[in-house]
Amino acid sequence: NTAQKHLAGKTGISSELISLQVESPCAPDLTLIDLPGIIRVPIGNQPQDIGNMIKNLIQSYIGKEETIILVVISCNVDIATTEALKMAQEVDPKGDRTLGVLTKPDLIDRDTEKDILKIINNQMVPLRKGYMLIKCRGQHDLIANTPLANALEKETAFFNENVHFRPLLEKKLASFQHLSSRLTNELVVQIRKCLPGIQEKIGSKMNEVMKQLNKLGGAIPEDTETKVHNLTSVSSGNYFIGTRVETTCNTLALQHFGSFPLLLSEIQIKIAEVCHKMERKAEEMLKTNFKLEAMVYAPDEMYSYKLMEFQSRGQQKGSNSMINSNLDPQAMVIHLHAYYQVRWYSKHYMH
């Protein structure tokens, strides 16, 4: 509740995720995103358009092809008027990734169990993946802080004692246990289905990045002329190529795995490792270039000293040439003398 208040503020809604990682040897390998229920009438300080805000938030998740949509519907409401199911049908008209989940079977009136069975059997609003039935902890269990294990036992006992729902339990169409197993299998199927397309897009992006990388040039050449040319054309793009690759890959990973925080985290770690290696290579290349630059170009102080020395000699010989922006031939000769003097000094005393 504290995190929710911090992120959502007075509106009670935020697009930021609150991630909760649960580790257990008995827990399924799933990433679930609990989206807010649809509100039609704002309450208290909630904005007047909170209904549209929630719908836009829901659509940003269920619109992704990699997402499995769980439409949670209470058994004591009319399924034909359920807005959540309508939204799912808009983004998934074929029902390839939509699974209906019916809850609160203990709150329905007697002799209405047959209506629930019609829904489960796809006779009311058909879904390709069908429906499943679960019984959540009631308000009394929540207040009493009933352990989850005990709640699951109560759920199984409820379905076993109900003559109408017992066959659903036997067909693995009821209970949290069967739902979690079903979701795990559905997630694997969905990932296998989407993975080739994701790999193709990643490959295309990598090819684009490699083309940009090739434009920056290859390894340091052996001949001096090309080295000097490379030194004069070094750009910041060489140093930040790792950042470009990382940004491109992370953006692509976020687009396709944003709904799976744990999987996204693992992918980002791998991307960071690859980019770190690239940055190390780029850093070593720059260090080598800097060493070469120190060998090719004269230090400013040394060059200035030699320039003043040769200029003084020229003045002593009666030349009135001055070193300025409009260089005459005599001034250019002075510059060349200073440059080659420094080069000779660097070659014989600095190596």
Protein backbone atom coordinates (compact mmCIF):
# COMPACT_ATOMS: atom_id res chain seq x y z
CA ASN A 1 0.00 0.00 0.00
CA THR A 2 2.87 2.37 0.77
CA ALA A 3 4.43 1.84 -2.67
CA GLN A 4 1.05 2.25 -4.33
CA LYS A 5 0.39 5.54 -2.56
CA HIS A 6 3.88 6.78 -3.39
CA LEU A 7 3.54 6.03 -7.12
CA ALA A 8 -0.14 6.70 -7.70
CA GLY A 9 -0.60 9.70 -5.41
CA LYS A 10 -4.06 11.15 -5.14
CA THR A 11 -5.29 9.75 -8.46
CA GLY A 12 -4.82 6.16 -7.30
CA ILE A 13 -3.42 5.09 -10.69
CA SER A 14 0.07 5.07 -12.20
CA SER A 15 1.73 3.46 -15.21
CA GLU A 16 4.77 2.55 -13.08
CA LEU A 17 5.07 -1.12 -12.09
CA ILE A 18 5.35 -2.31 -8.50
CA SER A 19 7.40 -5.49 -8.86
CA LEU A 20 7.11 -8.26 -6.29
CA GLN A 21 9.33 -11.32 -6.74
CA VAL A 22 8.20 -14.51 -5.01
CA GLU A 23 10.60 -17.44 -4.83
CA SER A 24 9.46 -20.89 -3.80
CA PRO A 25 10.21 -24.46 -4.85
CA CYS A 26 6.45 -24.93 -5.25
CA ALA A 27 5.76 -21.73 -7.20
CA PRO A 28 5.23 -21.74 -10.99
CA ASP A 29 7.63 -19.80 -13.23
CA LEU A 30 5.28 -16.97 -14.16
CA THR A 31 5.20 -13.19 -14.45
CA LEU A 32 1.76 -11.83 -13.57
CA ILE A 33 0.69 -8.20 -13.99
CA ASP A 34 -2.31 -7.25 -11.86
CA LEU A 35 -4.07 -4.41 -13.68
CA PRO A 36 -6.67 -2.19 -11.98
CA GLY A 37 -10.35 -2.85 -12.41
CA ILE A 38 -12.37 -0.60 -14.71
CA ILE A 39 -13.93 2.35 -12.87
CA ARG A 40 -16.94 4.12 -14.31
CA VAL A 41 -17.63 6.68 -11.56
CA PRO A 42 -14.72 8.62 -9.93
CA ILE A 43 -14.57 8.56 -6.14
CA GLY A 44 -13.13 11.27 -3.86
CA ASN A 45 -10.12 13.04 -5.38
CA GLN A 46 -9.98 10.78 -8.42
CA PRO A 47 -9.95 12.65 -11.77
CA GLN A 48 -13.13 12.71 -13.81
CA ASP A 49 -11.48 10.80 -16.66
CA ILE A 50 -10.06 8.03 -14.48
CA GLY A 51 -12.14 5.50 -16.40
CA ASN A 52 -10.35 6.38 -19.65
CA MET A 53 -7.00 6.48 -17.85
CA ILE A 54 -7.47 2.92 -16.62
CA LYS A 55 -8.64 1.69 -20.03
CA ASN A 56 -5.58 3.21 -21.71
CA LEU A 57 -3.34 1.58 -19.10
CA ILE A 58 -4.98 -1.81 -19.64
CA GLN A 59 -4.76 -1.51 -23.43
CA SER A 60 -1.03 -0.69 -23.24
CA TYR A 61 -0.48 -4.19 -21.80
CA ILE A 62 -3.10 -6.39 -23.43
CA GLY A 63 -2.32 -4.96 -26.88
CA LYS A 64 1.11 -6.63 -26.92
CA GLU A 65 1.20 -9.84 -28.93
CA GLU A 66 3.45 -11.54 -26.35
CA THR A 67 0.92 -11.07 -23.55
CA ILE A 68 -1.57 -13.69 -22.40
CA ILE A 69 -4.78 -11.94 -21.38
CA LEU A 70 -6.57 -13.20 -18.28
CA VAL A 71 -10.12 -11.86 -18.19
CA VAL A 72 -11.23 -12.25 -14.57
CA ILE A 73 -15.02 -12.34 -14.28
CA SER A 74 -17.15 -12.83 -11.19
CA CYS A 75 -19.65 -15.67 -11.46
CA ASN A 76 -22.47 -13.50 -10.12
CA VAL A 77 -22.35 -10.94 -12.97
CA ASP A 78 -23.68 -11.09 -16.52
CA ILE A 79 -20.74 -12.17 -18.70
CA ALA A 80 -22.34 -10.62 -21.80
CA THR A 81 -21.97 -7.13 -20.27
CA THR A 82 -18.40 -7.57 -19.02
CA GLU A 83 -16.31 -4.67 -20.32
CA ALA A 84 -13.00 -6.43 -19.67
CA LEU A 85 -14.01 -9.24 -22.01
CA LYS A 86 -15.02 -6.69 -24.63
CA MET A 87 -11.62 -4.97 -24.41
CA ALA A 88 -9.86 -8.32 -24.79
CA GLN A 89 -11.90 -9.13 -27.90
CA GLU A 90 -10.92 -5.79 -29.46
CA VAL A 91 -7.17 -6.52 -29.28
CA ASP A 92 -7.48 -10.30 -29.66
CA PRO A 93 -10.51 -10.89 -31.93
CA LYS A 94 -9.55 -14.53 -32.63
CA GLY A 95 -9.10 -15.28 -28.93
CA ASP A 96 -5.66 -16.82 -29.52
CA ARG A 97 -4.23 -15.39 -26.29
CA THR A 98 -7.27 -14.76 -24.10
CA LEU A 99 -8.20 -17.02 -21.19
CA GLY A 100 -11.32 -16.43 -19.13
CA VAL A 101 -11.12 -16.91 -15.35
CA LEU A 102 -14.37 -17.16 -13.38
CA THR A 103 -14.24 -16.34 -9.67
CA LYS A 104 -16.52 -16.32 -6.61
CA PRO A 105 -18.49 -19.49 -7.42
CA ASP A 106 -19.51 -19.60 -3.75
CA LEU A 107 -21.59 -16.41 -4.15
CA ILE A 108 -23.96 -17.61 -6.86
CA ASP A 109 -27.55 -18.56 -6.15
CA ARG A 110 -28.65 -22.14 -6.00
CA ASP A 111 -29.61 -23.83 -9.25
CA THR A 112 -27.52 -21.31 -11.25
CA GLU A 113 -24.52 -23.64 -11.46
CA LYS A 114 -25.72 -24.80 -14.88
CA ASP A 115 -25.26 -21.27 -16.23
CA ILE A 116 -21.64 -21.30 -15.03
CA LEU A 117 -21.11 -24.66 -16.72
CA LYS A 118 -22.41 -23.22 -19.99
CA ILE A 119 -19.77 -20.50 -19.81
CA ILE A 120 -17.03 -23.01 -18.97
CA ASN A 121 -18.13 -25.17 -21.91
CA ASN A 122 -17.86 -22.17 -24.31
CA GLN A 123 -21.61 -22.07 -24.93
CA MET A 124 -22.11 -18.41 -23.95
CA VAL A 125 -19.17 -16.25 -25.10
CA PRO A 126 -16.71 -18.62 -26.80
CA LEU A 127 -12.96 -18.24 -26.28
CA ARG A 128 -10.40 -20.34 -28.10
CA LYS A 129 -8.51 -20.97 -24.87
CA GLY A 130 -11.74 -21.38 -22.93
CA TYR A 131 -12.44 -20.66 -19.26
CA MET A 132 -11.30 -21.84 -15.85
CA LEU A 133 -12.98 -21.63 -12.43
CA ILE A 134 -11.29 -20.63 -9.16
CA LYS A 135 -12.40 -19.74 -5.64
CA CYS A 136 -10.46 -16.94 -3.98
CA ARG A 137 -10.13 -16.31 -0.28
CA GLY A 138 -13.19 -14.57 1.11
CA GLN A 139 -13.19 -11.42 3.22
CA HIS A 140 -13.32 -13.49 6.40
CA ASP A 141 -10.18 -15.42 5.34
CA LEU A 142 -8.38 -12.18 4.50
CA ILE A 143 -9.20 -10.61 7.86
CA ALA A 144 -8.15 -13.81 9.64
CA ASN A 145 -4.95 -13.88 7.55
CA THR A 146 -5.61 -17.46 6.50
CA PRO A 147 -2.43 -19.05 5.05
CA LEU A 148 -2.46 -19.65 1.32
CA ALA A 149 -1.96 -23.39 1.77
CA ASN A 150 -5.09 -23.62 3.92
CA ALA A 151 -7.02 -21.49 1.42
CA LEU A 152 -6.04 -23.86 -1.41
CA GLU A 153 -7.21 -26.82 0.63
CA LYS A 154 -10.54 -25.12 1.24
CA GLU A 155 -10.87 -24.39 -2.48
CA THR A 156 -10.27 -28.02 -3.42
CA ALA A 157 -12.76 -29.18 -0.78
CA PHE A 158 -15.36 -26.72 -2.11
CA PHE A 159 -15.13 -28.09 -5.66
CA ASN A 160 -15.12 -31.71 -4.47
CA GLU A 161 -18.28 -31.17 -2.42
CA ASN A 162 -20.16 -29.48 -5.28
CA VAL A 163 -21.75 -32.04 -7.58
CA HIS A 164 -21.79 -29.56 -10.48
CA PHE A 165 -18.17 -28.36 -10.16
CA ARG A 166 -16.49 -31.65 -9.21
CA PRO A 167 -16.16 -32.75 -12.89
CA LEU A 168 -14.36 -29.45 -13.66
CA LEU A 169 -11.78 -30.26 -11.01
CA GLU A 170 -11.27 -33.70 -12.52
CA LYS A 171 -10.85 -32.15 -16.00
CA LYS A 172 -8.29 -29.66 -14.58
CA LEU A 173 -10.58 -26.75 -15.38
CA ALA A 174 -10.93 -25.59 -11.77
CA SER A 175 -8.68 -24.57 -8.83
CA PHE A 176 -5.64 -22.31 -8.52
CA GLN A 177 -3.29 -25.25 -8.84
CA HIS A 178 -4.60 -26.22 -12.27
CA LEU A 179 -4.76 -22.55 -13.34
CA SER A 180 -1.09 -21.97 -12.50
CA SER A 181 -0.06 -25.10 -14.43
CA ARG A 182 -2.19 -24.03 -17.38
CA LEU A 183 -0.67 -20.55 -17.40
CA THR A 184 2.86 -21.92 -17.29
CA ASN A 185 2.16 -24.08 -20.35
CA GLU A 186 0.39 -21.25 -22.16
CA LEU A 187 3.33 -18.91 -21.50
CA VAL A 188 5.80 -21.41 -22.96
CA VAL A 189 3.62 -21.84 -26.06
CA GLN A 190 3.29 -18.06 -26.47
CA ILE A 191 7.04 -17.47 -26.15
CA ARG A 192 7.79 -20.17 -28.72
CA LYS A 193 5.29 -18.58 -31.05
CA CYS A 194 6.70 -15.05 -30.73
CA LEU A 195 10.40 -15.91 -30.44
CA PRO A 196 11.17 -16.27 -34.20
CA GLY A 197 9.72 -12.83 -34.93
CA ILE A 198 11.63 -11.30 -32.02
CA GLN A 199 14.88 -12.91 -33.16
CA GLU A 200 14.32 -11.58 -36.67
CA LYS A 201 13.80 -8.04 -35.39
CA ILE A 202 16.85 -8.24 -33.12
CA GLY A 203 18.92 -9.54 -36.03
CA SER A 204 17.74 -6.67 -38.23
CA LYS A 205 18.62 -4.11 -35.55
CA MET A 206 22.02 -5.70 -35.00
CA ASN A 207 22.73 -5.52 -38.73
CA GLU A 208 21.92 -1.82 -38.72
CA VAL A 209 24.23 -1.25 -35.77
CA MET A 210 27.02 -3.27 -37.40
CA LYS A 211 26.71 -1.14 -40.54
CA GLN A 212 27.14 1.97 -38.42
CA LEU A 213 30.07 0.35 -36.65
CA ASN A 214 31.74 -0.49 -39.96
CA LYS A 215 31.42 3.13 -41.04
CA LEU A 216 33.53 4.10 -38.04
CA GLY A 217 36.43 2.05 -39.42
CA GLY A 218 38.23 -1.11 -38.43
CA ALA A 219 41.35 -1.73 -36.38
CA ILE A 220 44.28 0.69 -36.16
CA PRO A 221 46.20 0.50 -39.48
CA GLU A 222 49.93 -0.11 -39.75
CA ASP A 223 50.91 2.67 -42.20
CA THR A 224 51.66 6.09 -40.71
CA GLU A 225 49.57 8.14 -43.16
CA THR A 226 46.37 6.25 -42.36
CA LYS A 227 47.12 6.49 -38.62
CA VAL A 228 47.44 10.27 -38.85
CA HIS A 229 44.21 10.42 -40.87
CA ASN A 230 42.38 8.36 -38.23
CA LEU A 231 43.72 10.53 -35.43
CA THR A 232 42.43 13.67 -37.09
CA SER A 233 38.98 12.13 -37.66
CA VAL A 234 38.37 10.48 -34.27
CA SER A 235 34.83 11.30 -33.14
CA SER A 236 32.91 10.77 -29.99
CA GLY A 237 30.84 8.18 -31.85
CA ASN A 238 33.74 5.70 -31.52
CA TYR A 239 33.64 5.92 -27.77
CA PHE A 240 29.89 5.73 -27.39
CA ILE A 241 29.19 2.94 -29.87
CA GLY A 242 28.63 0.58 -26.93
CA THR A 243 25.96 2.94 -25.58
CA ARG A 244 24.26 3.04 -28.98
CA VAL A 245 24.14 -0.74 -29.20
CA GLU A 246 22.91 -1.05 -25.61
CA THR A 247 20.16 1.55 -26.12
CA THR A 248 18.95 -0.13 -29.32
CA CYS A 249 18.91 -3.63 -27.80
CA ASN A 250 17.29 -2.49 -24.53
CA THR A 251 14.58 -0.62 -26.44
CA LEU A 252 13.82 -3.71 -28.50
CA ALA A 253 13.84 -5.95 -25.42
CA LEU A 254 11.48 -3.56 -23.58
CA GLN A 255 9.05 -3.56 -26.51
CA HIS A 256 8.76 -7.35 -26.57
CA PHE A 257 9.44 -8.37 -22.96
CA GLY A 258 8.16 -5.35 -21.02
CA SER A 259 5.36 -7.46 -19.60
CA PHE A 260 7.82 -9.99 -18.18
CA PRO A 261 10.02 -8.09 -15.68
CA LEU A 262 12.13 -11.10 -14.65
CA LEU A 263 12.82 -12.16 -18.24
CA LEU A 264 13.50 -8.54 -19.21
CA SER A 265 15.97 -8.21 -16.33
CA GLU A 266 17.92 -11.27 -17.48
CA ILE A 267 18.02 -9.99 -21.07
CA GLN A 268 19.23 -6.54 -19.97
CA ILE A 269 22.02 -8.15 -17.93
CA LYS A 270 23.22 -10.06 -21.02
CA ILE A 271 23.03 -6.90 -23.14
CA ALA A 272 25.03 -4.97 -20.53
CA GLU A 273 27.72 -7.67 -20.50
CA VAL A 274 28.12 -7.57 -24.29
CA CYS A 275 28.19 -3.78 -24.38
CA HIS A 276 30.72 -3.68 -21.53
CA LYS A 277 33.10 -5.80 -23.62
CA MET A 278 32.60 -3.47 -26.59
CA GLU A 279 33.30 -0.43 -24.41
CA ARG A 280 36.49 -2.00 -23.13
CA LYS A 281 37.68 -2.57 -26.70
CA ALA A 282 36.74 0.99 -27.68
CA GLU A 283 38.57 2.32 -24.63
CA GLU A 284 41.71 0.38 -25.50
CA MET A 285 41.51 1.67 -29.06
CA LEU A 286 41.28 5.28 -27.86
CA LYS A 287 44.20 4.80 -25.48
CA THR A 288 46.28 3.50 -28.36
CA ASN A 289 45.24 6.48 -30.50
CA PHE A 290 46.24 8.86 -27.73
CA LYS A 291 49.68 7.23 -27.53
CA LEU A 292 50.05 7.59 -31.28
CA GLU A 293 48.95 11.20 -31.08
CA ALA A 294 51.64 11.92 -28.51
CA MET A 295 54.21 10.47 -30.91
CA VAL A 296 52.96 12.28 -34.05
CA TYR A 297 52.13 15.73 -32.69
CA ALA A 298 54.45 17.93 -30.65
CA PRO A 299 53.49 19.12 -27.15
CA ASP A 300 52.27 22.73 -27.22
CA GLU A 301 54.82 24.08 -24.74
CA MET A 302 57.78 22.46 -26.54
CA TYR A 303 56.53 23.62 -29.95
CA SER A 304 55.99 27.19 -28.70
CA TYR A 305 59.48 27.27 -27.21
CA LYS A 306 61.13 26.08 -30.43
CA LEU A 307 59.03 28.45 -32.51
CA MET A 308 60.10 31.43 -30.42
CA GLU A 309 63.71 30.22 -30.65
CA PHE A 310 63.73 30.07 -34.47
CA GLN A 311 61.80 33.36 -34.68
CA SER A 312 64.44 35.03 -32.51
CA ARG A 313 67.20 33.68 -34.76
CA GLY A 314 65.47 35.10 -37.81
CA GLN A 315 65.17 38.51 -36.22
CA GLN A 316 68.84 38.43 -35.27
CA LYS A 317 69.65 37.79 -38.94
CA GLY A 318 67.75 40.90 -39.94
CA SER A 319 64.44 39.32 -40.97
CA ASN A 320 61.31 41.28 -40.00
CA SER A 321 58.92 38.35 -40.48
CA MET A 322 56.33 38.06 -37.71
CA ILE A 323 54.28 35.00 -36.81
CA ASN A 324 50.65 35.89 -37.48
CA SER A 325 47.53 34.50 -39.08
CA ASN A 326 48.58 35.71 -42.55
CA LEU A 327 51.74 33.62 -42.90
CA ASP A 328 54.31 34.66 -45.51
CA PRO A 329 56.84 32.13 -46.89
CA GLN A 330 59.49 33.17 -44.36
CA ALA A 331 57.11 32.59 -41.43
CA MET A 332 56.12 29.18 -42.80
CA VAL A 333 59.82 28.22 -42.91
CA ILE A 334 60.13 29.14 -39.23
CA HIS A 335 57.14 26.94 -38.38
CA LEU A 336 58.59 24.00 -40.30
CA HIS A 337 61.97 24.35 -38.58
CA ALA A 338 60.27 24.32 -35.15
CA TYR A 339 58.12 21.29 -36.06
CA TYR A 340 61.00 19.14 -37.36
CA GLN A 341 63.19 20.10 -34.41
CA VAL A 342 60.53 18.81 -32.01
CA ARG A 343 60.01 15.65 -34.09
CA TRP A 344 63.77 14.93 -33.98
CA TYR A 345 63.80 15.52 -30.22
CA SER A 346 60.81 13.20 -29.66
CA LYS A 347 62.34 10.47 -31.80
CA HIS A 348 65.74 10.45 -30.06
CA TYR A 349 64.86 11.23 -26.45
CA MET A 350 61.26 10.18 -25.78
CA HIS A 351 61.32 6.59 -27.14
